[in-house]
Amino acid sequence: QVQLVESGGGLVQPGGSLRLSCAASGISFSRYAMRWYRQVPGKQRDLVAVITPGGSTNYADSVKGRFAISRDNAKNTVYLQMNSLQPEDTAVYYCYAQTYWGQGTQVTVSS
C-alpha cells in the first residue's frame, strides 16, 4: 500500500520560510522522480518542483530562486524548502510519485 504523507505546512508572514516534507512508503522511493504540486481552490493543480532519482531538479518559473527541492533516499522523504514566501504562494501543496498523491498540506502566507 503506497502512502505519501506531507507535513510542514502552516501560516507564515510574507518573506518567511517553511519546509515541507513528504514521507513515502510502499514504493521503491529511490527509483522514482518526486514532485511537488500546489493548488488554489477553483484552479488547476500546478507543478512546483521535481527531483529525479539522480538528484536533478527543475522548478516552475514562479518559484525559481526561492524554493529548493531535495530528497533523502535513506529516509524515503522529499523536501521542499520555501523561502521568501509571498501571498501568491498560498495553496495546498501536494506530493506526487509514480501515480500516487499525498493528502496535501495547507500553506498560507499572510500578514
PDB file of N, CA and C in Angstrom:
ATOM      1  N   GLN A   1       0.851  -1.188   0.000  1.00  0.00           N
ATOM      2  CA  GLN A   1       0.000   0.000   0.000  1.00  0.00           C
ATOM      3  C   GLN A   1       0.888   1.241   0.000  1.00  0.00           C
ATOM      4  N   VAL A   2       0.698   2.058  -1.034  1.00  0.00           N
ATOM      5  CA  VAL A   2       1.512   3.262  -1.172  1.00  0.00           C
ATOM      6  C   VAL A   2       0.922   4.376  -0.326  1.00  0.00           C
ATOM      7  N   GLN A   3       1.790   5.061   0.400  1.00  0.00           N
ATOM      8  CA  GLN A   3       1.366   6.244   1.148  1.00  0.00           C
ATOM      9  C   GLN A   3       2.374   7.355   0.955  1.00  0.00           C
ATOM     10  N   LEU A   4       1.862   8.544   0.714  1.00  0.00           N
ATOM     11  CA  LEU A   4       2.662   9.762   0.678  1.00  0.00           C
ATOM     12  C   LEU A   4       2.046  10.702   1.706  1.00  0.00           C
ATOM     13  N   VAL A   5       2.832  11.069   2.699  1.00  0.00           N
ATOM     14  CA  VAL A   5       2.301  11.869   3.798  1.00  0.00           C
ATOM     15  C   VAL A   5       3.084  13.169   3.898  1.00  0.00           C
ATOM     16  N   GLU A   6       2.406  14.265   3.580  1.00  0.00           N
ATOM     17  CA  GLU A   6       3.026  15.585   3.646  1.00  0.00           C
ATOM     18  C   GLU A   6       2.896  16.165   5.049  1.00  0.00           C
ATOM     19  N   SER A   7       3.837  17.012   5.384  1.00  0.00           N
ATOM     20  CA  SER A   7       3.792  17.755   6.643  1.00  0.00           C
ATOM     21  C   SER A   7       4.592  19.039   6.483  1.00  0.00           C
ATOM     22  N   GLY A   8       4.424  19.942   7.440  1.00  0.00           N
ATOM     23  CA  GLY A   8       5.227  21.148   7.459  1.00  0.00           C
ATOM     24  C   GLY A   8       4.517  22.408   7.016  1.00  0.00           C
ATOM     25  N   GLY A   9       3.286  22.280   6.563  1.00  0.00           N
ATOM     26  CA  GLY A   9       2.546  23.469   6.168  1.00  0.00           C
ATOM     27  C   GLY A   9       2.149  24.309   7.367  1.00  0.00           C
ATOM     28  N   GLY A  10       1.591  25.484   7.074  1.00  0.00           N
ATOM     29  CA  GLY A  10       1.155  26.352   8.153  1.00  0.00           C
ATOM     30  C   GLY A  10       0.977  27.775   7.686  1.00  0.00           C
ATOM     31  N   LEU A  11       0.860  28.661   8.650  1.00  0.00           N
ATOM     32  CA  LEU A  11       0.698  30.091   8.394  1.00  0.00           C
ATOM     33  C   LEU A  11       2.038  30.788   8.595  1.00  0.00           C
ATOM     34  N   VAL A  12       2.431  31.589   7.625  1.00  0.00           N
ATOM     35  CA  VAL A  12       3.698  32.303   7.705  1.00  0.00           C
ATOM     36  C   VAL A  12       3.507  33.707   7.139  1.00  0.00           C
ATOM     37  N   GLN A  13       4.269  34.646   7.640  1.00  0.00           N
ATOM     38  CA  GLN A  13       4.191  36.010   7.140  1.00  0.00           C
ATOM     39  C   GLN A  13       4.935  36.148   5.818  1.00  0.00           C
ATOM     40  N   PRO A  14       4.574  37.114   5.004  1.00  0.00           N
ATOM     41  CA  PRO A  14       5.324  37.360   3.767  1.00  0.00           C
ATOM     42  C   PRO A  14       6.808  37.560   4.062  1.00  0.00           C
ATOM     43  N   GLY A  15       7.628  36.931   3.224  1.00  0.00           N
ATOM     44  CA  GLY A  15       9.065  36.962   3.428  1.00  0.00           C
ATOM     45  C   GLY A  15       9.592  35.825   4.283  1.00  0.00           C
ATOM     46  N   GLY A  16       8.701  35.072   4.870  1.00  0.00           N
ATOM     47  CA  GLY A  16       9.105  33.969   5.741  1.00  0.00           C
ATOM     48  C   GLY A  16       9.433  32.706   4.982  1.00  0.00           C
ATOM     49  N   SER A  17       9.726  31.656   5.752  1.00  0.00           N
ATOM     50  CA  SER A  17      10.139  30.373   5.176  1.00  0.00           C
ATOM     51  C   SER A  17       9.367  29.231   5.819  1.00  0.00           C
ATOM     52  N   LEU A  18       9.224  28.182   5.043  1.00  0.00           N
ATOM     53  CA  LEU A  18       8.682  26.921   5.532  1.00  0.00           C
ATOM     54  C   LEU A  18       9.423  25.792   4.836  1.00  0.00           C
ATOM     55  N   ARG A  19       9.476  24.645   5.497  1.00  0.00           N
ATOM     56  CA  ARG A  19      10.000  23.443   4.847  1.00  0.00           C
ATOM     57  C   ARG A  19       8.935  22.355   4.903  1.00  0.00           C
ATOM     58  N   LEU A  20       8.525  21.916   3.735  1.00  0.00           N
ATOM     59  CA  LEU A  20       7.576  20.821   3.630  1.00  0.00           C
ATOM     60  C   LEU A  20       8.323  19.501   3.521  1.00  0.00           C
ATOM     61  N   SER A  21       7.727  18.468   4.077  1.00  0.00           N
ATOM     62  CA  SER A  21       8.270  17.114   3.972  1.00  0.00           C
ATOM     63  C   SER A  21       7.205  16.190   3.407  1.00  0.00           C
ATOM     64  N   CYS A  22       7.652  15.189   2.687  1.00  0.00           N
ATOM     65  CA  CYS A  22       6.742  14.157   2.188  1.00  0.00           C
ATOM     66  C   CYS A  22       7.414  12.818   2.430  1.00  0.00           C
ATOM     67  N   ALA A  23       6.839  12.039   3.332  1.00  0.00           N
ATOM     68  CA  ALA A  23       7.374  10.721   3.658  1.00  0.00           C
ATOM     69  C   ALA A  23       6.633   9.668   2.839  1.00  0.00           C
ATOM     70  N   ALA A  24       7.391   8.864   2.121  1.00  0.00           N
ATOM     71  CA  ALA A  24       6.815   7.854   1.237  1.00  0.00           C
ATOM     72  C   ALA A  24       6.994   6.461   1.808  1.00  0.00           C
ATOM     73  N   SER A  25       6.010   5.624   1.570  1.00  0.00           N
ATOM     74  CA  SER A  25       6.104   4.212   1.931  1.00  0.00           C
ATOM     75  C   SER A  25       5.378   3.397   0.884  1.00  0.00           C
ATOM     76  N   GLY A  26       5.814   2.158   0.728  1.00  0.00           N
ATOM     77  CA  GLY A  26       5.154   1.278  -0.221  1.00  0.00           C
ATOM     78  C   GLY A  26       5.626   1.411  -1.652  1.00  0.00           C
ATOM     79  N   ILE A  27       6.635   2.240  -1.892  1.00  0.00           N
ATOM     80  CA  ILE A  27       7.214   2.375  -3.235  1.00  0.00           C
ATOM     81  C   ILE A  27       8.729   2.275  -3.131  1.00  0.00           C
ATOM     82  N   SER A  28       9.347   1.941  -4.251  1.00  0.00           N
ATOM     83  CA  SER A  28      10.820   1.951  -4.308  1.00  0.00           C
ATOM     84  C   SER A  28      11.260   3.397  -4.505  1.00  0.00           C
ATOM     85  N   PHE A  29      11.304   4.120  -3.413  1.00  0.00           N
ATOM     86  CA  PHE A  29      11.447   5.578  -3.428  1.00  0.00           C
ATOM     87  C   PHE A  29      12.609   6.039  -4.295  1.00  0.00           C
ATOM     88  N   SER A  30      13.750   5.417  -4.146  1.00  0.00           N
ATOM     89  CA  SER A  30      14.952   5.912  -4.825  1.00  0.00           C
ATOM     90  C   SER A  30      14.868   5.775  -6.339  1.00  0.00           C
ATOM     91  N   ARG A  31      13.916   5.019  -6.839  1.00  0.00           N
ATOM     92  CA  ARG A  31      13.809   4.778  -8.285  1.00  0.00           C
ATOM     93  C   ARG A  31      12.964   5.820  -8.995  1.00  0.00           C
ATOM     94  N   TYR A  32      12.237   6.642  -8.235  1.00  0.00           N
ATOM     95  CA  TYR A  32      11.242   7.496  -8.862  1.00  0.00           C
ATOM     96  C   TYR A  32      11.531   8.987  -8.702  1.00  0.00           C
ATOM     97  N   ALA A  33      11.161   9.718  -9.754  1.00  0.00           N
ATOM     98  CA  ALA A  33      11.135  11.160  -9.623  1.00  0.00           C
ATOM     99  C   ALA A  33      10.049  11.537  -8.610  1.00  0.00           C
ATOM    100  N   MET A  34      10.316  12.562  -7.846  1.00  0.00           N
ATOM    101  CA  MET A  34       9.363  13.060  -6.856  1.00  0.00           C
ATOM    102  C   MET A  34       8.989  14.482  -7.245  1.00  0.00           C
ATOM    103  N   ARG A  35       7.729  14.784  -7.075  1.00  0.00           N
ATOM    104  CA  ARG A  35       7.228  16.098  -7.484  1.00  0.00           C
ATOM    105  C   ARG A  35       6.413  16.757  -6.376  1.00  0.00           C
ATOM    106  N   TRP A  36       6.482  18.073  -6.360  1.00  0.00           N
ATOM    107  CA  TRP A  36       5.584  18.885  -5.538  1.00  0.00           C
ATOM    108  C   TRP A  36       4.688  19.686  -6.482  1.00  0.00           C
ATOM    109  N   TYR A  37       3.398  19.657  -6.181  1.00  0.00           N
ATOM    110  CA  TYR A  37       2.407  20.458  -6.880  1.00  0.00           C
ATOM    111  C   TYR A  37       1.731  21.370  -5.857  1.00  0.00           C
ATOM    112  N   ARG A  38       1.021  22.368  -6.370  1.00  0.00           N
ATOM    113  CA  ARG A  38       0.191  23.180  -5.495  1.00  0.00           C
ATOM    114  C   ARG A  38      -1.101  23.531  -6.199  1.00  0.00           C
ATOM    115  N   GLN A  39      -2.123  23.769  -5.392  1.00  0.00           N
ATOM    116  CA  GLN A  39      -3.443  24.050  -5.948  1.00  0.00           C
ATOM    117  C   GLN A  39      -4.169  25.068  -5.093  1.00  0.00           C
ATOM    118  N   VAL A  40      -4.723  26.055  -5.785  1.00  0.00           N
ATOM    119  CA  VAL A  40      -5.588  27.057  -5.176  1.00  0.00           C
ATOM    120  C   VAL A  40      -7.025  26.668  -5.511  1.00  0.00           C
ATOM    121  N   PRO A  41      -7.961  26.857  -4.586  1.00  0.00           N
ATOM    122  CA  PRO A  41      -9.354  26.478  -4.876  1.00  0.00           C
ATOM    123  C   PRO A  41      -9.854  27.079  -6.185  1.00  0.00           C
ATOM    124  N   GLY A  42     -10.474  26.227  -7.000  1.00  0.00           N
ATOM    125  CA  GLY A  42     -11.022  26.683  -8.259  1.00  0.00           C
ATOM    126  C   GLY A  42     -10.038  26.720  -9.410  1.00  0.00           C
ATOM    127  N   LYS A  43      -8.791  26.362  -9.136  1.00  0.00           N
ATOM    128  CA  LYS A  43      -7.776  26.375 -10.193  1.00  0.00           C
ATOM    129  C   LYS A  43      -7.146  24.993 -10.324  1.00  0.00           C
ATOM    130  N   GLN A  44      -6.416  24.805 -11.417  1.00  0.00           N
ATOM    131  CA  GLN A  44      -5.784  23.514 -11.645  1.00  0.00           C
ATOM    132  C   GLN A  44      -4.594  23.343 -10.709  1.00  0.00           C
ATOM    133  N   ARG A  45      -4.202  22.092 -10.572  1.00  0.00           N
ATOM    134  CA  ARG A  45      -3.042  21.765  -9.755  1.00  0.00           C
ATOM    135  C   ARG A  45      -1.798  21.981 -10.606  1.00  0.00           C
ATOM    136  N   ASP A  46      -0.878  22.814 -10.131  1.00  0.00           N
ATOM    137  CA  ASP A  46       0.302  23.195 -10.896  1.00  0.00           C
ATOM    138  C   ASP A  46       1.565  22.557 -10.334  1.00  0.00           C
ATOM    139  N   LEU A  47       2.446  22.160 -11.245  1.00  0.00           N
ATOM    140  CA  LEU A  47       3.735  21.610 -10.834  1.00  0.00           C
ATOM    141  C   LEU A  47       4.627  22.728 -10.280  1.00  0.00           C
ATOM    142  N   VAL A  48       5.209  22.470  -9.130  1.00  0.00           N
ATOM    143  CA  VAL A  48       6.093  23.446  -8.485  1.00  0.00           C
ATOM    144  C   VAL A  48       7.553  23.053  -8.676  1.00  0.00           C
ATOM    145  N   ALA A  49       7.859  21.788  -8.402  1.00  0.00           N
ATOM    146  CA  ALA A  49       9.254  21.350  -8.462  1.00  0.00           C
ATOM    147  C   ALA A  49       9.304  19.843  -8.654  1.00  0.00           C
ATOM    148  N   VAL A  50      10.394  19.387  -9.261  1.00  0.00           N
ATOM    149  CA  VAL A  50      10.608  17.961  -9.472  1.00  0.00           C
ATOM    150  C   VAL A  50      12.073  17.637  -9.201  1.00  0.00           C
ATOM    151  N   ILE A  51      12.294  16.449  -8.653  1.00  0.00           N
ATOM    152  CA  ILE A  51      13.656  15.960  -8.453  1.00  0.00           C
ATOM    153  C   ILE A  51      13.715  14.528  -8.976  1.00  0.00           C
ATOM    154  N   THR A  52      14.708  14.266  -9.819  1.00  0.00           N
ATOM    155  CA  THR A  52      14.855  12.950 -10.424  1.00  0.00           C
ATOM    156  C   THR A  52      15.537  11.983  -9.451  1.00  0.00           C
ATOM    157  N   PRO A  53      15.550  10.699  -9.788  1.00  0.00           N
ATOM    158  CA  PRO A  53      16.281   9.754  -8.927  1.00  0.00           C
ATOM    159  C   PRO A  53      17.753  10.125  -8.771  1.00  0.00           C
ATOM    160  N   GLY A  54      18.316  10.726  -9.789  1.00  0.00           N
ATOM    161  CA  GLY A  54      19.722  11.119  -9.730  1.00  0.00           C
ATOM    162  C   GLY A  54      19.973  12.446  -9.055  1.00  0.00           C
ATOM    163  N   GLY A  55      18.893  13.131  -8.692  1.00  0.00           N
ATOM    164  CA  GLY A  55      19.048  14.390  -7.968  1.00  0.00           C
ATOM    165  C   GLY A  55      18.945  15.645  -8.816  1.00  0.00           C
ATOM    166  N   SER A  56      18.692  15.504 -10.105  1.00  0.00           N
ATOM    167  CA  SER A  56      18.475  16.702 -10.924  1.00  0.00           C
ATOM    168  C   SER A  56      17.144  17.346 -10.556  1.00  0.00           C
ATOM    169  N   THR A  57      17.107  18.666 -10.627  1.00  0.00           N
ATOM    170  CA  THR A  57      15.914  19.395 -10.198  1.00  0.00           C
ATOM    171  C   THR A  57      15.419  20.337 -11.285  1.00  0.00           C
ATOM    172  N   ASN A  58      14.149  20.647 -11.197  1.00  0.00           N
ATOM    173  CA  ASN A  58      13.554  21.629 -12.092  1.00  0.00           C
ATOM    174  C   ASN A  58      12.422  22.313 -11.339  1.00  0.00           C
ATOM    175  N   TYR A  59      12.189  23.591 -11.686  1.00  0.00           N
ATOM    176  CA  TYR A  59      11.230  24.398 -10.939  1.00  0.00           C
ATOM    177  C   TYR A  59      10.319  25.190 -11.863  1.00  0.00           C
ATOM    178  N   ALA A  60       9.137  25.476 -11.353  1.00  0.00           N
ATOM    179  CA  ALA A  60       8.279  26.428 -12.028  1.00  0.00           C
ATOM    180  C   ALA A  60       8.950  27.799 -11.983  1.00  0.00           C
ATOM    181  N   ASP A  61       8.746  28.591 -13.020  1.00  0.00           N
ATOM    182  CA  ASP A  61       9.382  29.902 -13.083  1.00  0.00           C
ATOM    183  C   ASP A  61       9.016  30.755 -11.867  1.00  0.00           C
ATOM    184  N   SER A  62       7.805  30.587 -11.374  1.00  0.00           N
ATOM    185  CA  SER A  62       7.321  31.432 -10.281  1.00  0.00           C
ATOM    186  C   SER A  62       8.047  31.189  -8.956  1.00  0.00           C
ATOM    187  N   VAL A  63       8.756  30.057  -8.837  1.00  0.00           N
ATOM    188  CA  VAL A  63       9.420  29.753  -7.566  1.00  0.00           C
ATOM    189  C   VAL A  63      10.935  29.637  -7.699  1.00  0.00           C
ATOM    190  N   LYS A  64      11.451  29.766  -8.911  1.00  0.00           N
ATOM    191  CA  LYS A  64      12.903  29.654  -9.106  1.00  0.00           C
ATOM    192  C   LYS A  64      13.640  30.674  -8.258  1.00  0.00           C
ATOM    193  N   GLY A  65      14.688  30.188  -7.602  1.00  0.00           N
ATOM    194  CA  GLY A  65      15.488  31.060  -6.761  1.00  0.00           C
ATOM    195  C   GLY A  65      14.948  31.229  -5.358  1.00  0.00           C
ATOM    196  N   ARG A  66      13.723  30.748  -5.107  1.00  0.00           N
ATOM    197  CA  ARG A  66      13.134  30.868  -3.767  1.00  0.00           C
ATOM    198  C   ARG A  66      12.880  29.505  -3.135  1.00  0.00           C
ATOM    199  N   PHE A  67      12.537  28.524  -3.948  1.00  0.00           N
ATOM    200  CA  PHE A  67      12.222  27.183  -3.443  1.00  0.00           C
ATOM    201  C   PHE A  67      13.357  26.225  -3.814  1.00  0.00           C
ATOM    202  N   ALA A  68      13.535  25.202  -2.989  1.00  0.00           N
ATOM    203  CA  ALA A  68      14.529  24.168  -3.275  1.00  0.00           C
ATOM    204  C   ALA A  68      13.965  22.805  -2.897  1.00  0.00           C
ATOM    205  N   ILE A  69      13.993  21.897  -3.855  1.00  0.00           N
ATOM    206  CA  ILE A  69      13.546  20.531  -3.615  1.00  0.00           C
ATOM    207  C   ILE A  69      14.765  19.655  -3.355  1.00  0.00           C
ATOM    208  N   SER A  70      14.622  18.727  -2.431  1.00  0.00           N
ATOM    209  CA  SER A  70      15.704  17.797  -2.132  1.00  0.00           C
ATOM    210  C   SER A  70      15.100  16.465  -1.698  1.00  0.00           C
ATOM    211  N   ARG A  71      15.935  15.451  -1.658  1.00  0.00           N
ATOM    212  CA  ARG A  71      15.445  14.133  -1.267  1.00  0.00           C
ATOM    213  C   ARG A  71      16.469  13.433  -0.395  1.00  0.00           C
ATOM    214  N   ASP A  72      15.963  12.595   0.486  1.00  0.00           N
ATOM    215  CA  ASP A  72      16.804  11.752   1.322  1.00  0.00           C
ATOM    216  C   ASP A  72      16.337  10.322   1.092  1.00  0.00           C
ATOM    217  N   ASN A  73      17.051   9.595   0.250  1.00  0.00           N
ATOM    218  CA  ASN A  73      16.617   8.251  -0.101  1.00  0.00           C
ATOM    219  C   ASN A  73      16.679   7.291   1.087  1.00  0.00           C
ATOM    220  N   ALA A  74      17.560   7.566   2.028  1.00  0.00           N
ATOM    221  CA  ALA A  74      17.647   6.707   3.215  1.00  0.00           C
ATOM    222  C   ALA A  74      16.400   6.839   4.081  1.00  0.00           C
ATOM    223  N   LYS A  75      15.749   8.000   4.016  1.00  0.00           N
ATOM    224  CA  LYS A  75      14.548   8.243   4.822  1.00  0.00           C
ATOM    225  C   LYS A  75      13.271   8.183   3.993  1.00  0.00           C
ATOM    226  N   ASN A  76      13.403   7.880   2.691  1.00  0.00           N
ATOM    227  CA  ASN A  76      12.231   7.861   1.800  1.00  0.00           C
ATOM    228  C   ASN A  76      11.427   9.152   1.909  1.00  0.00           C
ATOM    229  N   THR A  77      12.129  10.261   1.914  1.00  0.00           N
ATOM    230  CA  THR A  77      11.493  11.559   2.140  1.00  0.00           C
ATOM    231  C   THR A  77      11.985  12.579   1.128  1.00  0.00           C
ATOM    232  N   VAL A  78      11.048  13.377   0.649  1.00  0.00           N
ATOM    233  CA  VAL A  78      11.373  14.506  -0.215  1.00  0.00           C
ATOM    234  C   VAL A  78      10.960  15.782   0.512  1.00  0.00           C
ATOM    235  N   TYR A  79      11.736  16.825   0.298  1.00  0.00           N
ATOM    236  CA  TYR A  79      11.535  18.095   0.991  1.00  0.00           C
ATOM    237  C   TYR A  79      11.304  19.215  -0.016  1.00  0.00           C
ATOM    238  N   LEU A  80      10.646  20.248   0.451  1.00  0.00           N
ATOM    239  CA  LEU A  80      10.528  21.471  -0.315  1.00  0.00           C
ATOM    240  C   LEU A  80      10.809  22.630   0.629  1.00  0.00           C
ATOM    241  N   GLN A  81      11.984  23.203   0.481  1.00  0.00           N
ATOM    242  CA  GLN A  81      12.341  24.390   1.254  1.00  0.00           C
ATOM    243  C   GLN A  81      11.812  25.613   0.530  1.00  0.00           C
ATOM    244  N   MET A  82      10.996  26.387   1.203  1.00  0.00           N
ATOM    245  CA  MET A  82      10.349  27.537   0.594  1.00  0.00           C
ATOM    246  C   MET A  82      10.787  28.794   1.334  1.00  0.00           C
ATOM    247  N   ASN A  83      11.468  29.678   0.634  1.00  0.00           N
ATOM    248  CA  ASN A  83      11.946  30.924   1.205  1.00  0.00           C
ATOM    249  C   ASN A  83      11.287  32.114   0.518  1.00  0.00           C
ATOM    250  N   SER A  84      11.394  33.258   1.147  1.00  0.00           N
ATOM    251  CA  SER A  84      10.827  34.496   0.581  1.00  0.00           C
ATOM    252  C   SER A  84       9.385  34.281   0.137  1.00  0.00           C
ATOM    253  N   LEU A  85       8.612  33.675   1.002  1.00  0.00           N
ATOM    254  CA  LEU A  85       7.229  33.345   0.652  1.00  0.00           C
ATOM    255  C   LEU A  85       6.400  34.611   0.467  1.00  0.00           C
ATOM    256  N   GLN A  86       5.490  34.530  -0.496  1.00  0.00           N
ATOM    257  CA  GLN A  86       4.608  35.643  -0.825  1.00  0.00           C
ATOM    258  C   GLN A  86       3.156  35.178  -0.753  1.00  0.00           C
ATOM    259  N   PRO A  87       2.221  36.092  -0.620  1.00  0.00           N
ATOM    260  CA  PRO A  87       0.805  35.683  -0.549  1.00  0.00           C
ATOM    261  C   PRO A  87       0.369  34.811  -1.718  1.00  0.00           C
ATOM    262  N   GLU A  88       0.956  35.025  -2.874  1.00  0.00           N
ATOM    263  CA  GLU A  88       0.568  34.212  -4.042  1.00  0.00           C
ATOM    264  C   GLU A  88       1.058  32.772  -3.954  1.00  0.00           C
ATOM    265  N   ASP A  89       1.882  32.471  -2.963  1.00  0.00           N
ATOM    266  CA  ASP A  89       2.307  31.089  -2.740  1.00  0.00           C
ATOM    267  C   ASP A  89       1.284  30.318  -1.905  1.00  0.00           C
ATOM    268  N   THR A  90       0.275  31.016  -1.409  1.00  0.00           N
ATOM    269  CA  THR A  90      -0.769  30.350  -0.631  1.00  0.00           C
ATOM    270  C   THR A  90      -1.480  29.301  -1.477  1.00  0.00           C
ATOM    271  N   ALA A  91      -1.514  28.084  -0.972  1.00  0.00           N
ATOM    272  CA  ALA A  91      -2.105  26.969  -1.717  1.00  0.00           C
ATOM    273  C   ALA A  91      -2.040  25.720  -0.850  1.00  0.00           C
ATOM    274  N   VAL A  92      -2.693  24.673  -1.322  1.00  0.00           N
ATOM    275  CA  VAL A  92      -2.462  23.342  -0.775  1.00  0.00           C
ATOM    276  C   VAL A  92      -1.348  22.714  -1.586  1.00  0.00           C
ATOM    277  N   TYR A  93      -0.335  22.217  -0.907  1.00  0.00           N
ATOM    278  CA  TYR A  93       0.822  21.623  -1.563  1.00  0.00           C
ATOM    279  C   TYR A  93       0.730  20.099  -1.468  1.00  0.00           C
ATOM    280  N   TYR A  94       0.935  19.470  -2.631  1.00  0.00           N
ATOM    281  CA  TYR A  94       0.805  18.021  -2.737  1.00  0.00           C
ATOM    282  C   TYR A  94       2.117  17.397  -3.200  1.00  0.00           C
ATOM    283  N   CYS A  95       2.388  16.249  -2.659  1.00  0.00           N
ATOM    284  CA  CYS A  95       3.499  15.411  -3.080  1.00  0.00           C
ATOM    285  C   CYS A  95       2.967  14.387  -4.084  1.00  0.00           C
ATOM    286  N   TYR A  96       3.773  14.072  -5.095  1.00  0.00           N
ATOM    287  CA  TYR A  96       3.344  13.126  -6.129  1.00  0.00           C
ATOM    288  C   TYR A  96       4.507  12.227  -6.511  1.00  0.00           C
ATOM    289  N   ALA A  97       4.211  10.941  -6.633  1.00  0.00           N
ATOM    290  CA  ALA A  97       5.210   9.979  -7.098  1.00  0.00           C
ATOM    291  C   ALA A  97       4.517   8.858  -7.847  1.00  0.00           C
ATOM    292  N   GLN A  98       5.115   8.468  -8.946  1.00  0.00           N
ATOM    293  CA  GLN A  98       4.582   7.393  -9.774  1.00  0.00           C
ATOM    294  C   GLN A  98       3.189   7.782 -10.207  1.00  0.00           C
ATOM    295  N   THR A  99       2.147   7.242  -9.626  1.00  0.00           N
ATOM    296  CA  THR A  99       0.787   7.681  -9.931  1.00  0.00           C
ATOM    297  C   THR A  99       0.034   8.044  -8.663  1.00  0.00           C
ATOM    298  N   TYR A 100       0.768   8.299  -7.602  1.00  0.00           N
ATOM    299  CA  TYR A 100       0.163   8.486  -6.289  1.00  0.00           C
ATOM    300  C   TYR A 100       0.305   9.918  -5.793  1.00  0.00           C
ATOM    301  N   TRP A 101      -0.737  10.352  -5.089  1.00  0.00           N
ATOM    302  CA  TRP A 101      -0.776  11.683  -4.488  1.00  0.00           C
ATOM    303  C   TRP A 101      -0.830  11.577  -2.973  1.00  0.00           C
ATOM    304  N   GLY A 102      -0.217  12.541  -2.311  1.00  0.00           N
ATOM    305  CA  GLY A 102      -0.431  12.696  -0.891  1.00  0.00           C
ATOM    306  C   GLY A 102      -1.740  13.423  -0.628  1.00  0.00           C
ATOM    307  N   GLN A 103      -2.023  13.637   0.646  1.00  0.00           N
ATOM    308  CA  GLN A 103      -3.293  14.269   1.023  1.00  0.00           C
ATOM    309  C   GLN A 103      -3.225  15.786   0.970  1.00  0.00           C
ATOM    310  N   GLY A 104      -2.027  16.315   0.892  1.00  0.00           N
ATOM    311  CA  GLY A 104      -1.851  17.762   0.800  1.00  0.00           C
ATOM    312  C   GLY A 104      -1.618  18.412   2.149  1.00  0.00           C
ATOM    313  N   THR A 105      -0.925  19.527   2.122  1.00  0.00           N
ATOM    314  CA  THR A 105      -0.696  20.333   3.322  1.00  0.00           C
ATOM    315  C   THR A 105      -0.899  21.799   2.960  1.00  0.00           C
ATOM    316  N   GLN A 106      -1.637  22.496   3.804  1.00  0.00           N
ATOM    317  CA  GLN A 106      -2.002  23.892   3.515  1.00  0.00           C
ATOM    318  C   GLN A 106      -0.842  24.824   3.872  1.00  0.00           C
ATOM    319  N   VAL A 107      -0.530  25.696   2.950  1.00  0.00           N
ATOM    320  CA  VAL A 107       0.429  26.780   3.187  1.00  0.00           C
ATOM    321  C   VAL A 107      -0.315  28.096   2.994  1.00  0.00           C
ATOM    322  N   THR A 108      -0.286  28.921   4.015  1.00  0.00           N
ATOM    323  CA  THR A 108      -0.943  30.229   3.958  1.00  0.00           C
ATOM    324  C   THR A 108       0.083  31.304   4.269  1.00  0.00           C
ATOM    325  N   VAL A 109       0.234  32.236   3.340  1.00  0.00           N
ATOM    326  CA  VAL A 109       1.170  33.341   3.512  1.00  0.00           C
ATOM    327  C   VAL A 109       0.352  34.609   3.676  1.00  0.00           C
ATOM    328  N   SER A 110       0.396  35.159   4.868  1.00  0.00           N
ATOM    329  CA  SER A 110      -0.444  36.325   5.169  1.00  0.00           C
ATOM    330  C   SER A 110       0.120  37.067   6.358  1.00  0.00           C
ATOM    331  N   SER A 111      -0.065  38.386   6.338  1.00  0.00           N
ATOM    332  CA  SER A 111       0.336  39.184   7.480  1.00  0.00           C
ATOM    333  C   SER A 111      -0.829  39.369   8.448  1.00  0.00           C
TER     334      SER A 111
END
